[in-house]
Amino acid sequence: MTPKNTGWLRIIKAFGYSLTGLKAAWLNEAAFRQEAVLCIILIPLAFLLGNNGLERALLISCFILVLITELLNSAIEALADRISLEQDRLIKRAKDIGSAAVFIALCYTIIVWGLVLFS
C-alpha cells in the first residue's frame, strides 16, 4: 500500500509539478517565452505607471491572465497532438479556440493598459 499524498507532501509535490510545467512551457513554447519576456519587462513598468494599487493590480493581472491562457492553450495543443497528428476538424477547432482565448486575453491587456494609461 502506498502512502497517500496529503497535507504538506501533496503541496510540495504539486509545487514540483507546477515548476516542471513552467519549465516545459519555457523550453517548448515560443509564444510562452515571448509573453513571459513581455511580462518581465512590463510588470515592473506597471509599478511605475499605475497611480495606485488598483491600477497596478489591473495592469499586472492582465499579463498574468495572458500567461495562464497561454499555458492552457499549450496544454490543449500538446494533448491534441498526442491524440493525432492527422488533420481532424475537431482537433483543429480545439486548437483554434485555444488560440482565440489567448488572442482575447491579449486584446483585454491592450484595452486595460490603454484605459489606465490614457484616462
PDB file of N, CA and C in Angstrom:
ATOM      1  N   MET A   1       0.845  -1.176   0.000  1.00  0.00           N
ATOM      2  CA  MET A   1       0.000   0.000   0.000  1.00  0.00           C
ATOM      3  C   MET A   1       0.892   1.241   0.000  1.00  0.00           C
ATOM      4  N   THR A   2       0.608   2.162  -0.905  1.00  0.00           N
ATOM      5  CA  THR A   2       1.397   3.390  -0.986  1.00  0.00           C
ATOM      6  C   THR A   2       0.777   4.459  -0.105  1.00  0.00           C
ATOM      7  N   PRO A   3       1.638   5.289   0.492  1.00  0.00           N
ATOM      8  CA  PRO A   3       1.085   6.370   1.331  1.00  0.00           C
ATOM      9  C   PRO A   3       0.353   7.386   0.467  1.00  0.00           C
ATOM     10  N   LYS A   4      -0.713   7.930   1.020  1.00  0.00           N
ATOM     11  CA  LYS A   4      -1.488   8.946   0.309  1.00  0.00           C
ATOM     12  C   LYS A   4      -0.759  10.282   0.359  1.00  0.00           C
ATOM     13  N   ASN A   5      -0.904  11.017  -0.716  1.00  0.00           N
ATOM     14  CA  ASN A   5      -0.335  12.364  -0.766  1.00  0.00           C
ATOM     15  C   ASN A   5      -1.316  13.323  -0.110  1.00  0.00           C
ATOM     16  N   THR A   6      -1.051  13.633   1.135  1.00  0.00           N
ATOM     17  CA  THR A   6      -1.926  14.562   1.850  1.00  0.00           C
ATOM     18  C   THR A   6      -1.078  15.627   2.523  1.00  0.00           C
ATOM     19  N   GLY A   7      -1.729  16.684   2.928  1.00  0.00           N
ATOM     20  CA  GLY A   7      -1.061  17.732   3.684  1.00  0.00           C
ATOM     21  C   GLY A   7       0.089  18.370   2.935  1.00  0.00           C
ATOM     22  N   TRP A   8       1.179  18.583   3.662  1.00  0.00           N
ATOM     23  CA  TRP A   8       2.338  19.278   3.102  1.00  0.00           C
ATOM     24  C   TRP A   8       2.974  18.512   1.952  1.00  0.00           C
ATOM     25  N   LEU A   9       2.985  17.181   2.035  1.00  0.00           N
ATOM     26  CA  LEU A   9       3.583  16.380   0.965  1.00  0.00           C
ATOM     27  C   LEU A   9       2.861  16.627  -0.362  1.00  0.00           C
ATOM     28  N   ARG A  10       1.552  16.695  -0.330  1.00  0.00           N
ATOM     29  CA  ARG A  10       0.775  16.970  -1.537  1.00  0.00           C
ATOM     30  C   ARG A  10       1.097  18.355  -2.085  1.00  0.00           C
ATOM     31  N   ILE A  11       1.210  19.326  -1.197  1.00  0.00           N
ATOM     32  CA  ILE A  11       1.510  20.698  -1.614  1.00  0.00           C
ATOM     33  C   ILE A  11       2.911  20.771  -2.229  1.00  0.00           C
ATOM     34  N   ILE A  12       3.865  20.109  -1.616  1.00  0.00           N
ATOM     35  CA  ILE A  12       5.241  20.111  -2.135  1.00  0.00           C
ATOM     36  C   ILE A  12       5.294  19.444  -3.501  1.00  0.00           C
ATOM     37  N   LYS A  13       4.628  18.302  -3.654  1.00  0.00           N
ATOM     38  CA  LYS A  13       4.616  17.612  -4.950  1.00  0.00           C
ATOM     39  C   LYS A  13       3.907  18.448  -6.014  1.00  0.00           C
ATOM     40  N   ALA A  14       2.796  19.079  -5.657  1.00  0.00           N
ATOM     41  CA  ALA A  14       2.068  19.930  -6.612  1.00  0.00           C
ATOM     42  C   ALA A  14       2.942  21.095  -7.057  1.00  0.00           C
ATOM     43  N   PHE A  15       3.695  21.666  -6.127  1.00  0.00           N
ATOM     44  CA  PHE A  15       4.616  22.750  -6.469  1.00  0.00           C
ATOM     45  C   PHE A  15       5.668  22.263  -7.463  1.00  0.00           C
ATOM     46  N   GLY A  16       6.192  21.077  -7.237  1.00  0.00           N
ATOM     47  CA  GLY A  16       7.172  20.494  -8.157  1.00  0.00           C
ATOM     48  C   GLY A  16       6.590  20.274  -9.541  1.00  0.00           C
ATOM     49  N   TYR A  17       5.359  19.766  -9.606  1.00  0.00           N
ATOM     50  CA  TYR A  17       4.709  19.555 -10.900  1.00  0.00           C
ATOM     51  C   TYR A  17       4.508  20.885 -11.620  1.00  0.00           C
ATOM     52  N   SER A  18       4.164  21.911 -10.863  1.00  0.00           N
ATOM     53  CA  SER A  18       3.966  23.242 -11.455  1.00  0.00           C
ATOM     54  C   SER A  18       5.268  23.779 -12.036  1.00  0.00           C
ATOM     55  N   LEU A  19       6.361  23.637 -11.314  1.00  0.00           N
ATOM     56  CA  LEU A  19       7.651  24.083 -11.828  1.00  0.00           C
ATOM     57  C   LEU A  19       8.048  23.297 -13.080  1.00  0.00           C
ATOM     58  N   THR A  20       7.775  21.996 -13.078  1.00  0.00           N
ATOM     59  CA  THR A  20       8.052  21.171 -14.253  1.00  0.00           C
ATOM     60  C   THR A  20       7.241  21.656 -15.448  1.00  0.00           C
ATOM     61  N   GLY A  21       5.979  22.018 -15.226  1.00  0.00           N
ATOM     62  CA  GLY A  21       5.124  22.536 -16.290  1.00  0.00           C
ATOM     63  C   GLY A  21       5.619  23.870 -16.823  1.00  0.00           C
ATOM     64  N   LEU A  22       6.034  24.752 -15.927  1.00  0.00           N
ATOM     65  CA  LEU A  22       6.573  26.045 -16.362  1.00  0.00           C
ATOM     66  C   LEU A  22       7.856  25.861 -17.171  1.00  0.00           C
ATOM     67  N   LYS A  23       8.709  24.944 -16.723  1.00  0.00           N
ATOM     68  CA  LYS A  23       9.952  24.667 -17.454  1.00  0.00           C
ATOM     69  C   LYS A  23       9.636  24.102 -18.839  1.00  0.00           C
ATOM     70  N   ALA A  24       8.681  23.185 -18.913  1.00  0.00           N
ATOM     71  CA  ALA A  24       8.295  22.601 -20.206  1.00  0.00           C
ATOM     72  C   ALA A  24       7.736  23.670 -21.137  1.00  0.00           C
ATOM     73  N   ALA A  25       6.923  24.567 -20.599  1.00  0.00           N
ATOM     74  CA  ALA A  25       6.360  25.643 -21.427  1.00  0.00           C
ATOM     75  C   ALA A  25       7.476  26.551 -21.927  1.00  0.00           C
ATOM     76  N   TRP A  26       8.417  26.889 -21.053  1.00  0.00           N
ATOM     77  CA  TRP A  26       9.518  27.762 -21.446  1.00  0.00           C
ATOM     78  C   TRP A  26      10.378  27.107 -22.533  1.00  0.00           C
ATOM     79  N   LEU A  27      10.668  25.833 -22.381  1.00  0.00           N
ATOM     80  CA  LEU A  27      11.549  25.142 -23.320  1.00  0.00           C
ATOM     81  C   LEU A  27      10.882  24.817 -24.656  1.00  0.00           C
ATOM     82  N   ASN A  28       9.579  24.588 -24.643  1.00  0.00           N
ATOM     83  CA  ASN A  28       8.901  24.056 -25.826  1.00  0.00           C
ATOM     84  C   ASN A  28       7.935  25.008 -26.516  1.00  0.00           C
ATOM     85  N   GLU A  29       7.608  26.125 -25.896  1.00  0.00           N
ATOM     86  CA  GLU A  29       6.580  27.007 -26.439  1.00  0.00           C
ATOM     87  C   GLU A  29       7.132  28.417 -26.656  1.00  0.00           C
ATOM     88  N   ALA A  30       7.383  28.744 -27.914  1.00  0.00           N
ATOM     89  CA  ALA A  30       7.938  30.068 -28.249  1.00  0.00           C
ATOM     90  C   ALA A  30       6.996  31.192 -27.818  1.00  0.00           C
ATOM     91  N   ALA A  31       5.698  31.001 -28.009  1.00  0.00           N
ATOM     92  CA  ALA A  31       4.738  32.045 -27.634  1.00  0.00           C
ATOM     93  C   ALA A  31       4.786  32.305 -26.129  1.00  0.00           C
ATOM     94  N   PHE A  32       4.915  31.247 -25.330  1.00  0.00           N
ATOM     95  CA  PHE A  32       5.014  31.432 -23.878  1.00  0.00           C
ATOM     96  C   PHE A  32       6.271  32.209 -23.525  1.00  0.00           C
ATOM     97  N   ARG A  33       7.396  31.890 -24.161  1.00  0.00           N
ATOM     98  CA  ARG A  33       8.640  32.622 -23.891  1.00  0.00           C
ATOM     99  C   ARG A  33       8.487  34.101 -24.244  1.00  0.00           C
ATOM    100  N   GLN A  34       7.877  34.383 -25.387  1.00  0.00           N
ATOM    101  CA  GLN A  34       7.690  35.772 -25.802  1.00  0.00           C
ATOM    102  C   GLN A  34       6.809  36.522 -24.800  1.00  0.00           C
ATOM    103  N   GLU A  35       5.729  35.907 -24.392  1.00  0.00           N
ATOM    104  CA  GLU A  35       4.813  36.559 -23.455  1.00  0.00           C
ATOM    105  C   GLU A  35       5.451  36.698 -22.073  1.00  0.00           C
ATOM    106  N   ALA A  36       6.246  35.720 -21.666  1.00  0.00           N
ATOM    107  CA  ALA A  36       6.932  35.812 -20.371  1.00  0.00           C
ATOM    108  C   ALA A  36       7.957  36.951 -20.380  1.00  0.00           C
ATOM    109  N   VAL A  37       8.693  37.093 -21.462  1.00  0.00           N
ATOM    110  CA  VAL A  37       9.662  38.192 -21.568  1.00  0.00           C
ATOM    111  C   VAL A  37       8.928  39.532 -21.536  1.00  0.00           C
ATOM    112  N   LEU A  38       7.795  39.604 -22.237  1.00  0.00           N
ATOM    113  CA  LEU A  38       6.983  40.816 -22.202  1.00  0.00           C
ATOM    114  C   LEU A  38       6.558  41.132 -20.765  1.00  0.00           C
ATOM    115  N   CYS A  39       6.183  40.118 -20.012  1.00  0.00           N
ATOM    116  CA  CYS A  39       5.802  40.304 -18.605  1.00  0.00           C
ATOM    117  C   CYS A  39       6.984  40.802 -17.780  1.00  0.00           C
ATOM    118  N   ILE A  40       8.154  40.217 -18.011  1.00  0.00           N
ATOM    119  CA  ILE A  40       9.344  40.617 -17.255  1.00  0.00           C
ATOM    120  C   ILE A  40       9.645  42.092 -17.482  1.00  0.00           C
ATOM    121  N   ILE A  41       9.366  42.569 -18.675  1.00  0.00           N
ATOM    122  CA  ILE A  41       9.622  43.975 -18.996  1.00  0.00           C
ATOM    123  C   ILE A  41       8.508  44.880 -18.485  1.00  0.00           C
ATOM    124  N   LEU A  42       7.244  44.485 -18.726  1.00  0.00           N
ATOM    125  CA  LEU A  42       6.136  45.407 -18.468  1.00  0.00           C
ATOM    126  C   LEU A  42       5.572  45.352 -17.043  1.00  0.00           C
ATOM    127  N   ILE A  43       5.720  44.250 -16.348  1.00  0.00           N
ATOM    128  CA  ILE A  43       5.195  44.216 -14.970  1.00  0.00           C
ATOM    129  C   ILE A  43       5.930  45.232 -14.082  1.00  0.00           C
ATOM    130  N   PRO A  44       7.258  45.320 -14.121  1.00  0.00           N
ATOM    131  CA  PRO A  44       7.894  46.394 -13.337  1.00  0.00           C
ATOM    132  C   PRO A  44       7.439  47.786 -13.776  1.00  0.00           C
ATOM    133  N   LEU A  45       7.190  47.934 -15.076  1.00  0.00           N
ATOM    134  CA  LEU A  45       6.706  49.215 -15.585  1.00  0.00           C
ATOM    135  C   LEU A  45       5.331  49.552 -15.009  1.00  0.00           C
ATOM    136  N   ALA A  46       4.523  48.526 -14.751  1.00  0.00           N
ATOM    137  CA  ALA A  46       3.194  48.739 -14.174  1.00  0.00           C
ATOM    138  C   ALA A  46       3.285  49.405 -12.807  1.00  0.00           C
ATOM    139  N   PHE A  47       4.345  49.085 -12.055  1.00  0.00           N
ATOM    140  CA  PHE A  47       4.516  49.717 -10.749  1.00  0.00           C
ATOM    141  C   PHE A  47       4.813  51.210 -10.882  1.00  0.00           C
ATOM    142  N   LEU A  48       5.459  51.576 -11.970  1.00  0.00           N
ATOM    143  CA  LEU A  48       5.777  52.986 -12.194  1.00  0.00           C
ATOM    144  C   LEU A  48       4.610  53.754 -12.802  1.00  0.00           C
ATOM    145  N   LEU A  49       3.864  53.093 -13.678  1.00  0.00           N
ATOM    146  CA  LEU A  49       2.809  53.789 -14.420  1.00  0.00           C
ATOM    147  C   LEU A  49       1.465  53.818 -13.696  1.00  0.00           C
ATOM    148  N   GLY A  50       1.216  52.832 -12.859  1.00  0.00           N
ATOM    149  CA  GLY A  50      -0.046  52.823 -12.116  1.00  0.00           C
ATOM    150  C   GLY A  50      -0.044  53.894 -11.049  1.00  0.00           C
ATOM    151  N   ASN A  51      -1.158  54.597 -10.920  1.00  0.00           N
ATOM    152  CA  ASN A  51      -1.243  55.684  -9.942  1.00  0.00           C
ATOM    153  C   ASN A  51      -1.575  55.205  -8.540  1.00  0.00           C
ATOM    154  N   ASN A  52      -2.134  54.010  -8.434  1.00  0.00           N
ATOM    155  CA  ASN A  52      -2.498  53.473  -7.126  1.00  0.00           C
ATOM    156  C   ASN A  52      -2.468  51.951  -7.196  1.00  0.00           C
ATOM    157  N   GLY A  53      -2.744  51.328  -6.080  1.00  0.00           N
ATOM    158  CA  GLY A  53      -2.698  49.870  -6.014  1.00  0.00           C
ATOM    159  C   GLY A  53      -3.657  49.185  -6.969  1.00  0.00           C
ATOM    160  N   LEU A  54      -4.844  49.739  -7.120  1.00  0.00           N
ATOM    161  CA  LEU A  54      -5.827  49.134  -8.010  1.00  0.00           C
ATOM    162  C   LEU A  54      -5.366  49.173  -9.463  1.00  0.00           C
ATOM    163  N   GLU A  55      -4.843  50.295  -9.889  1.00  0.00           N
ATOM    164  CA  GLU A  55      -4.342  50.399 -11.262  1.00  0.00           C
ATOM    165  C   GLU A  55      -3.169  49.447 -11.485  1.00  0.00           C
ATOM    166  N   ARG A  56      -2.271  49.378 -10.532  1.00  0.00           N
ATOM    167  CA  ARG A  56      -1.131  48.466 -10.657  1.00  0.00           C
ATOM    168  C   ARG A  56      -1.608  47.021 -10.740  1.00  0.00           C
ATOM    169  N   ALA A  57      -2.573  46.686  -9.891  1.00  0.00           N
ATOM    170  CA  ALA A  57      -3.111  45.321  -9.902  1.00  0.00           C
ATOM    171  C   ALA A  57      -3.765  44.994 -11.240  1.00  0.00           C
ATOM    172  N   LEU A  58      -4.499  45.939 -11.790  1.00  0.00           N
ATOM    173  CA  LEU A  58      -5.119  45.728 -13.104  1.00  0.00           C
ATOM    174  C   LEU A  58      -4.072  45.525 -14.190  1.00  0.00           C
ATOM    175  N   LEU A  59      -3.072  46.373 -14.204  1.00  0.00           N
ATOM    176  CA  LEU A  59      -2.036  46.278 -15.228  1.00  0.00           C
ATOM    177  C   LEU A  59      -1.286  44.947 -15.142  1.00  0.00           C
ATOM    178  N   ILE A  60      -0.976  44.532 -13.942  1.00  0.00           N
ATOM    179  CA  ILE A  60      -0.232  43.282 -13.747  1.00  0.00           C
ATOM    180  C   ILE A  60      -1.105  42.065 -14.018  1.00  0.00           C
ATOM    181  N   SER A  61      -2.350  42.085 -13.531  1.00  0.00           N
ATOM    182  CA  SER A  61      -3.219  40.915 -13.667  1.00  0.00           C
ATOM    183  C   SER A  61      -3.522  40.588 -15.124  1.00  0.00           C
ATOM    184  N   CYS A  62      -3.518  41.594 -15.988  1.00  0.00           N
ATOM    185  CA  CYS A  62      -3.724  41.329 -17.415  1.00  0.00           C
ATOM    186  C   CYS A  62      -2.667  40.390 -17.958  1.00  0.00           C
ATOM    187  N   PHE A  63      -1.417  40.649 -17.599  1.00  0.00           N
ATOM    188  CA  PHE A  63      -0.328  39.806 -18.104  1.00  0.00           C
ATOM    189  C   PHE A  63      -0.350  38.422 -17.475  1.00  0.00           C
ATOM    190  N   ILE A  64      -0.739  38.356 -16.217  1.00  0.00           N
ATOM    191  CA  ILE A  64      -0.874  37.049 -15.583  1.00  0.00           C
ATOM    192  C   ILE A  64      -1.955  36.241 -16.304  1.00  0.00           C
ATOM    193  N   LEU A  65      -3.044  36.901 -16.673  1.00  0.00           N
ATOM    194  CA  LEU A  65      -4.111  36.240 -17.425  1.00  0.00           C
ATOM    195  C   LEU A  65      -3.599  35.726 -18.769  1.00  0.00           C
ATOM    196  N   VAL A  66      -2.773  36.507 -19.449  1.00  0.00           N
ATOM    197  CA  VAL A  66      -2.208  36.074 -20.735  1.00  0.00           C
ATOM    198  C   VAL A  66      -1.367  34.818 -20.529  1.00  0.00           C
ATOM    199  N   LEU A  67      -0.528  34.799 -19.500  1.00  0.00           N
ATOM    200  CA  LEU A  67       0.314  33.629 -19.251  1.00  0.00           C
ATOM    201  C   LEU A  67      -0.518  32.396 -18.918  1.00  0.00           C
ATOM    202  N   ILE A  68      -1.530  32.565 -18.090  1.00  0.00           N
ATOM    203  CA  ILE A  68      -2.398  31.441 -17.739  1.00  0.00           C
ATOM    204  C   ILE A  68      -3.086  30.908 -18.987  1.00  0.00           C
ATOM    205  N   THR A  69      -3.610  31.793 -19.804  1.00  0.00           N
ATOM    206  CA  THR A  69      -4.312  31.387 -21.017  1.00  0.00           C
ATOM    207  C   THR A  69      -3.361  30.678 -21.978  1.00  0.00           C
ATOM    208  N   GLU A  70      -2.150  31.187 -22.107  1.00  0.00           N
ATOM    209  CA  GLU A  70      -1.156  30.553 -22.988  1.00  0.00           C
ATOM    210  C   GLU A  70      -0.797  29.165 -22.483  1.00  0.00           C
ATOM    211  N   LEU A  71      -0.649  29.003 -21.180  1.00  0.00           N
ATOM    212  CA  LEU A  71      -0.357  27.683 -20.621  1.00  0.00           C
ATOM    213  C   LEU A  71      -1.480  26.700 -20.923  1.00  0.00           C
ATOM    214  N   LEU A  72      -2.725  27.132 -20.745  1.00  0.00           N
ATOM    215  CA  LEU A  72      -3.861  26.246 -21.043  1.00  0.00           C
ATOM    216  C   LEU A  72      -3.934  25.925 -22.532  1.00  0.00           C
ATOM    217  N   ASN A  73      -3.683  26.919 -23.374  1.00  0.00           N
ATOM    218  CA  ASN A  73      -3.678  26.695 -24.814  1.00  0.00           C
ATOM    219  C   ASN A  73      -2.587  25.700 -25.201  1.00  0.00           C
ATOM    220  N   SER A  74      -1.410  25.857 -24.628  1.00  0.00           N
ATOM    221  CA  SER A  74      -0.307  24.945 -24.924  1.00  0.00           C
ATOM    222  C   SER A  74      -0.626  23.526 -24.471  1.00  0.00           C
ATOM    223  N   ALA A  75      -1.288  23.403 -23.325  1.00  0.00           N
ATOM    224  CA  ALA A  75      -1.675  22.082 -22.835  1.00  0.00           C
ATOM    225  C   ALA A  75      -2.683  21.427 -23.783  1.00  0.00           C
ATOM    226  N   ILE A  76      -3.649  22.196 -24.254  1.00  0.00           N
ATOM    227  CA  ILE A  76      -4.632  21.673 -25.207  1.00  0.00           C
ATOM    228  C   ILE A  76      -3.935  21.226 -26.488  1.00  0.00           C
ATOM    229  N   GLU A  77      -3.018  22.051 -26.996  1.00  0.00           N
ATOM    230  CA  GLU A  77      -2.310  21.707 -28.228  1.00  0.00           C
ATOM    231  C   GLU A  77      -1.460  20.457 -28.061  1.00  0.00           C
ATOM    232  N   ALA A  78      -0.758  20.333 -26.933  1.00  0.00           N
ATOM    233  CA  ALA A  78       0.071  19.153 -26.695  1.00  0.00           C
ATOM    234  C   ALA A  78      -0.784  17.893 -26.619  1.00  0.00           C
ATOM    235  N   LEU A  79      -1.893  17.985 -25.928  1.00  0.00           N
ATOM    236  CA  LEU A  79      -2.792  16.839 -25.821  1.00  0.00           C
ATOM    237  C   LEU A  79      -3.391  16.484 -27.173  1.00  0.00           C
ATOM    238  N   ALA A  80      -3.796  17.491 -27.931  1.00  0.00           N
ATOM    239  CA  ALA A  80      -4.367  17.249 -29.253  1.00  0.00           C
ATOM    240  C   ALA A  80      -3.341  16.595 -30.175  1.00  0.00           C
ATOM    241  N   ASP A  81      -2.082  17.053 -30.113  1.00  0.00           N
ATOM    242  CA  ASP A  81      -1.031  16.464 -30.938  1.00  0.00           C
ATOM    243  C   ASP A  81      -0.723  15.035 -30.508  1.00  0.00           C
ATOM    244  N   ARG A  82      -0.873  14.750 -29.236  1.00  0.00           N
ATOM    245  CA  ARG A  82      -0.660  13.379 -28.741  1.00  0.00           C
ATOM    246  C   ARG A  82      -1.741  12.452 -29.244  1.00  0.00           C
ATOM    247  N   ILE A  83      -2.960  12.958 -29.330  1.00  0.00           N
ATOM    248  CA  ILE A  83      -4.080  12.135 -29.788  1.00  0.00           C
ATOM    249  C   ILE A  83      -3.924  11.797 -31.261  1.00  0.00           C
ATOM    250  N   SER A  84      -3.598  12.805 -32.077  1.00  0.00           N
ATOM    251  CA  SER A  84      -3.476  12.568 -33.518  1.00  0.00           C
ATOM    252  C   SER A  84      -2.774  13.739 -34.187  1.00  0.00           C
ATOM    253  N   LEU A  85      -1.862  13.410 -35.095  1.00  0.00           N
ATOM    254  CA  LEU A  85      -1.220  14.441 -35.899  1.00  0.00           C
ATOM    255  C   LEU A  85      -1.902  14.582 -37.254  1.00  0.00           C
ATOM    256  N   GLU A  86      -2.875  13.724 -37.497  1.00  0.00           N
ATOM    257  CA  GLU A  86      -3.629  13.810 -38.752  1.00  0.00           C
ATOM    258  C   GLU A  86      -4.576  15.002 -38.704  1.00  0.00           C
ATOM    259  N   GLN A  87      -4.968  15.474 -39.898  1.00  0.00           N
ATOM    260  CA  GLN A  87      -5.949  16.553 -39.982  1.00  0.00           C
ATOM    261  C   GLN A  87      -7.290  16.051 -39.438  1.00  0.00           C
ATOM    262  N   ASP A  88      -7.795  16.761 -38.446  1.00  0.00           N
ATOM    263  CA  ASP A  88      -9.082  16.409 -37.850  1.00  0.00           C
ATOM    264  C   ASP A  88      -9.793  17.710 -37.512  1.00  0.00           C
ATOM    265  N   ARG A  89     -11.042  17.820 -37.941  1.00  0.00           N
ATOM    266  CA  ARG A  89     -11.753  19.088 -37.767  1.00  0.00           C
ATOM    267  C   ARG A  89     -11.993  19.429 -36.302  1.00  0.00           C
ATOM    268  N   LEU A  90     -12.203  18.436 -35.448  1.00  0.00           N
ATOM    269  CA  LEU A  90     -12.438  18.728 -34.025  1.00  0.00           C
ATOM    270  C   LEU A  90     -11.148  19.140 -33.319  1.00  0.00           C
ATOM    271  N   ILE A  91     -10.035  18.496 -33.677  1.00  0.00           N
ATOM    272  CA  ILE A  91      -8.760  18.895 -33.089  1.00  0.00           C
ATOM    273  C   ILE A  91      -8.400  20.301 -33.556  1.00  0.00           C
ATOM    274  N   LYS A  92      -8.621  20.585 -34.826  1.00  0.00           N
ATOM    275  CA  LYS A  92      -8.371  21.939 -35.339  1.00  0.00           C
ATOM    276  C   LYS A  92      -9.232  22.945 -34.600  1.00  0.00           C
ATOM    277  N   ARG A  93     -10.491  22.598 -34.384  1.00  0.00           N
ATOM    278  CA  ARG A  93     -11.391  23.502 -33.666  1.00  0.00           C
ATOM    279  C   ARG A  93     -10.879  23.760 -32.250  1.00  0.00           C
ATOM    280  N   ALA A  94     -10.455  22.707 -31.567  1.00  0.00           N
ATOM    281  CA  ALA A  94      -9.948  22.859 -30.197  1.00  0.00           C
ATOM    282  C   ALA A  94      -8.722  23.767 -30.178  1.00  0.00           C
ATOM    283  N   LYS A  95      -7.808  23.560 -31.119  1.00  0.00           N
ATOM    284  CA  LYS A  95      -6.607  24.398 -31.187  1.00  0.00           C
ATOM    285  C   LYS A  95      -6.959  25.842 -31.531  1.00  0.00           C
ATOM    286  N   ASP A  96      -7.871  26.027 -32.458  1.00  0.00           N
ATOM    287  CA  ASP A  96      -8.279  27.379 -32.840  1.00  0.00           C
ATOM    288  C   ASP A  96      -8.963  28.107 -31.687  1.00  0.00           C
ATOM    289  N   ILE A  97      -9.780  27.406 -30.939  1.00  0.00           N
ATOM    290  CA  ILE A  97     -10.462  28.018 -29.798  1.00  0.00           C
ATOM    291  C   ILE A  97      -9.450  28.395 -28.715  1.00  0.00           C
ATOM    292  N   GLY A  98      -8.464  27.533 -28.474  1.00  0.00           N
ATOM    293  CA  GLY A  98      -7.407  27.864 -27.527  1.00  0.00           C
ATOM    294  C   GLY A  98      -6.641  29.100 -27.962  1.00  0.00           C
ATOM    295  N   SER A  99      -6.343  29.177 -29.258  1.00  0.00           N
ATOM    296  CA  SER A  99      -5.657  30.341 -29.803  1.00  0.00           C
ATOM    297  C   SER A  99      -6.521  31.589 -29.658  1.00  0.00           C
ATOM    298  N   ALA A 100      -7.801  31.452 -29.880  1.00  0.00           N
ATOM    299  CA  ALA A 100      -8.718  32.585 -29.727  1.00  0.00           C
ATOM    300  C   ALA A 100      -8.743  33.078 -28.276  1.00  0.00           C
ATOM    301  N   ALA A 101      -8.656  32.166 -27.330  1.00  0.00           N
ATOM    302  CA  ALA A 101      -8.633  32.556 -25.916  1.00  0.00           C
ATOM    303  C   ALA A 101      -7.399  33.410 -25.609  1.00  0.00           C
ATOM    304  N   VAL A 102      -6.255  33.006 -26.152  1.00  0.00           N
ATOM    305  CA  VAL A 102      -5.031  33.793 -25.961  1.00  0.00           C
ATOM    306  C   VAL A 102      -5.187  35.168 -26.616  1.00  0.00           C
ATOM    307  N   PHE A 103      -5.751  35.184 -27.815  1.00  0.00           N
ATOM    308  CA  PHE A 103      -5.966  36.449 -28.529  1.00  0.00           C
ATOM    309  C   PHE A 103      -6.848  37.398 -27.721  1.00  0.00           C
ATOM    310  N   ILE A 104      -7.921  36.877 -27.151  1.00  0.00           N
ATOM    311  CA  ILE A 104      -8.822  37.711 -26.350  1.00  0.00           C
ATOM    312  C   ILE A 104      -8.100  38.227 -25.100  1.00  0.00           C
ATOM    313  N   ALA A 105      -7.286  37.381 -24.470  1.00  0.00           N
ATOM    314  CA  ALA A 105      -6.529  37.828 -23.296  1.00  0.00           C
ATOM    315  C   ALA A 105      -5.557  38.945 -23.673  1.00  0.00           C
ATOM    316  N   LEU A 106      -4.917  38.825 -24.836  1.00  0.00           N
ATOM    317  CA  LEU A 106      -4.007  39.880 -25.296  1.00  0.00           C
ATOM    318  C   LEU A 106      -4.772  41.172 -25.614  1.00  0.00           C
ATOM    319  N   CYS A 107      -5.929  41.056 -26.263  1.00  0.00           N
ATOM    320  CA  CYS A 107      -6.753  42.236 -26.549  1.00  0.00           C
ATOM    321  C   CYS A 107      -7.207  42.903 -25.256  1.00  0.00           C
ATOM    322  N   TYR A 108      -7.609  42.102 -24.288  1.00  0.00           N
ATOM    323  CA  TYR A 108      -8.020  42.613 -22.984  1.00  0.00           C
ATOM    324  C   TYR A 108      -6.873  43.398 -22.337  1.00  0.00           C
ATOM    325  N   THR A 109      -5.658  42.850 -22.438  1.00  0.00           N
ATOM    326  CA  THR A 109      -4.482  43.518 -21.878  1.00  0.00           C
ATOM    327  C   THR A 109      -4.266  44.875 -22.529  1.00  0.00           C
ATOM    328  N   ILE A 110      -4.364  44.933 -23.838  1.00  0.00           N
ATOM    329  CA  ILE A 110      -4.184  46.200 -24.562  1.00  0.00           C
ATOM    330  C   ILE A 110      -5.250  47.211 -24.145  1.00  0.00           C
ATOM    331  N   ILE A 111      -6.484  46.750 -24.034  1.00  0.00           N
ATOM    332  CA  ILE A 111      -7.585  47.649 -23.649  1.00  0.00           C
ATOM    333  C   ILE A 111      -7.372  48.198 -22.237  1.00  0.00           C
ATOM    334  N   VAL A 112      -7.055  47.323 -21.290  1.00  0.00           N
ATOM    335  CA  VAL A 112      -6.875  47.769 -19.906  1.00  0.00           C
ATOM    336  C   VAL A 112      -5.689  48.721 -19.795  1.00  0.00           C
ATOM    337  N   TRP A 113      -4.567  48.365 -20.406  1.00  0.00           N
ATOM    338  CA  TRP A 113      -3.412  49.271 -20.356  1.00  0.00           C
ATOM    339  C   TRP A 113      -3.749  50.613 -21.002  1.00  0.00           C
ATOM    340  N   GLY A 114      -4.468  50.580 -22.108  1.00  0.00           N
ATOM    341  CA  GLY A 114      -4.856  51.827 -22.762  1.00  0.00           C
ATOM    342  C   GLY A 114      -5.764  52.671 -21.878  1.00  0.00           C
ATOM    343  N   LEU A 115      -6.741  52.045 -21.252  1.00  0.00           N
ATOM    344  CA  LEU A 115      -7.658  52.775 -20.370  1.00  0.00           C
ATOM    345  C   LEU A 115      -6.949  53.353 -19.150  1.00  0.00           C
ATOM    346  N   VAL A 116      -6.082  52.563 -18.555  1.00  0.00           N
ATOM    347  CA  VAL A 116      -5.388  53.036 -17.367  1.00  0.00           C
ATOM    348  C   VAL A 116      -4.396  54.156 -17.716  1.00  0.00           C
ATOM    349  N   LEU A 117      -3.676  53.994 -18.794  1.00  0.00           N
ATOM    350  CA  LEU A 117      -2.624  54.966 -19.119  1.00  0.00           C
ATOM    351  C   LEU A 117      -3.140  56.237 -19.772  1.00  0.00           C
ATOM    352  N   PHE A 118      -4.271  56.144 -20.476  1.00  0.00           N
ATOM    353  CA  PHE A 118      -4.740  57.306 -21.237  1.00  0.00           C
ATOM    354  C   PHE A 118      -6.044  57.881 -20.709  1.00  0.00           C
ATOM    355  N   SER A 119      -6.432  57.515 -19.504  1.00  0.00           N
ATOM    356  CA  SER A 119      -7.646  58.070 -18.906  1.00  0.00           C
ATOM    357  C   SER A 119      -7.305  59.132 -17.879  1.00  0.00           C
TER     358      SER A 119
END
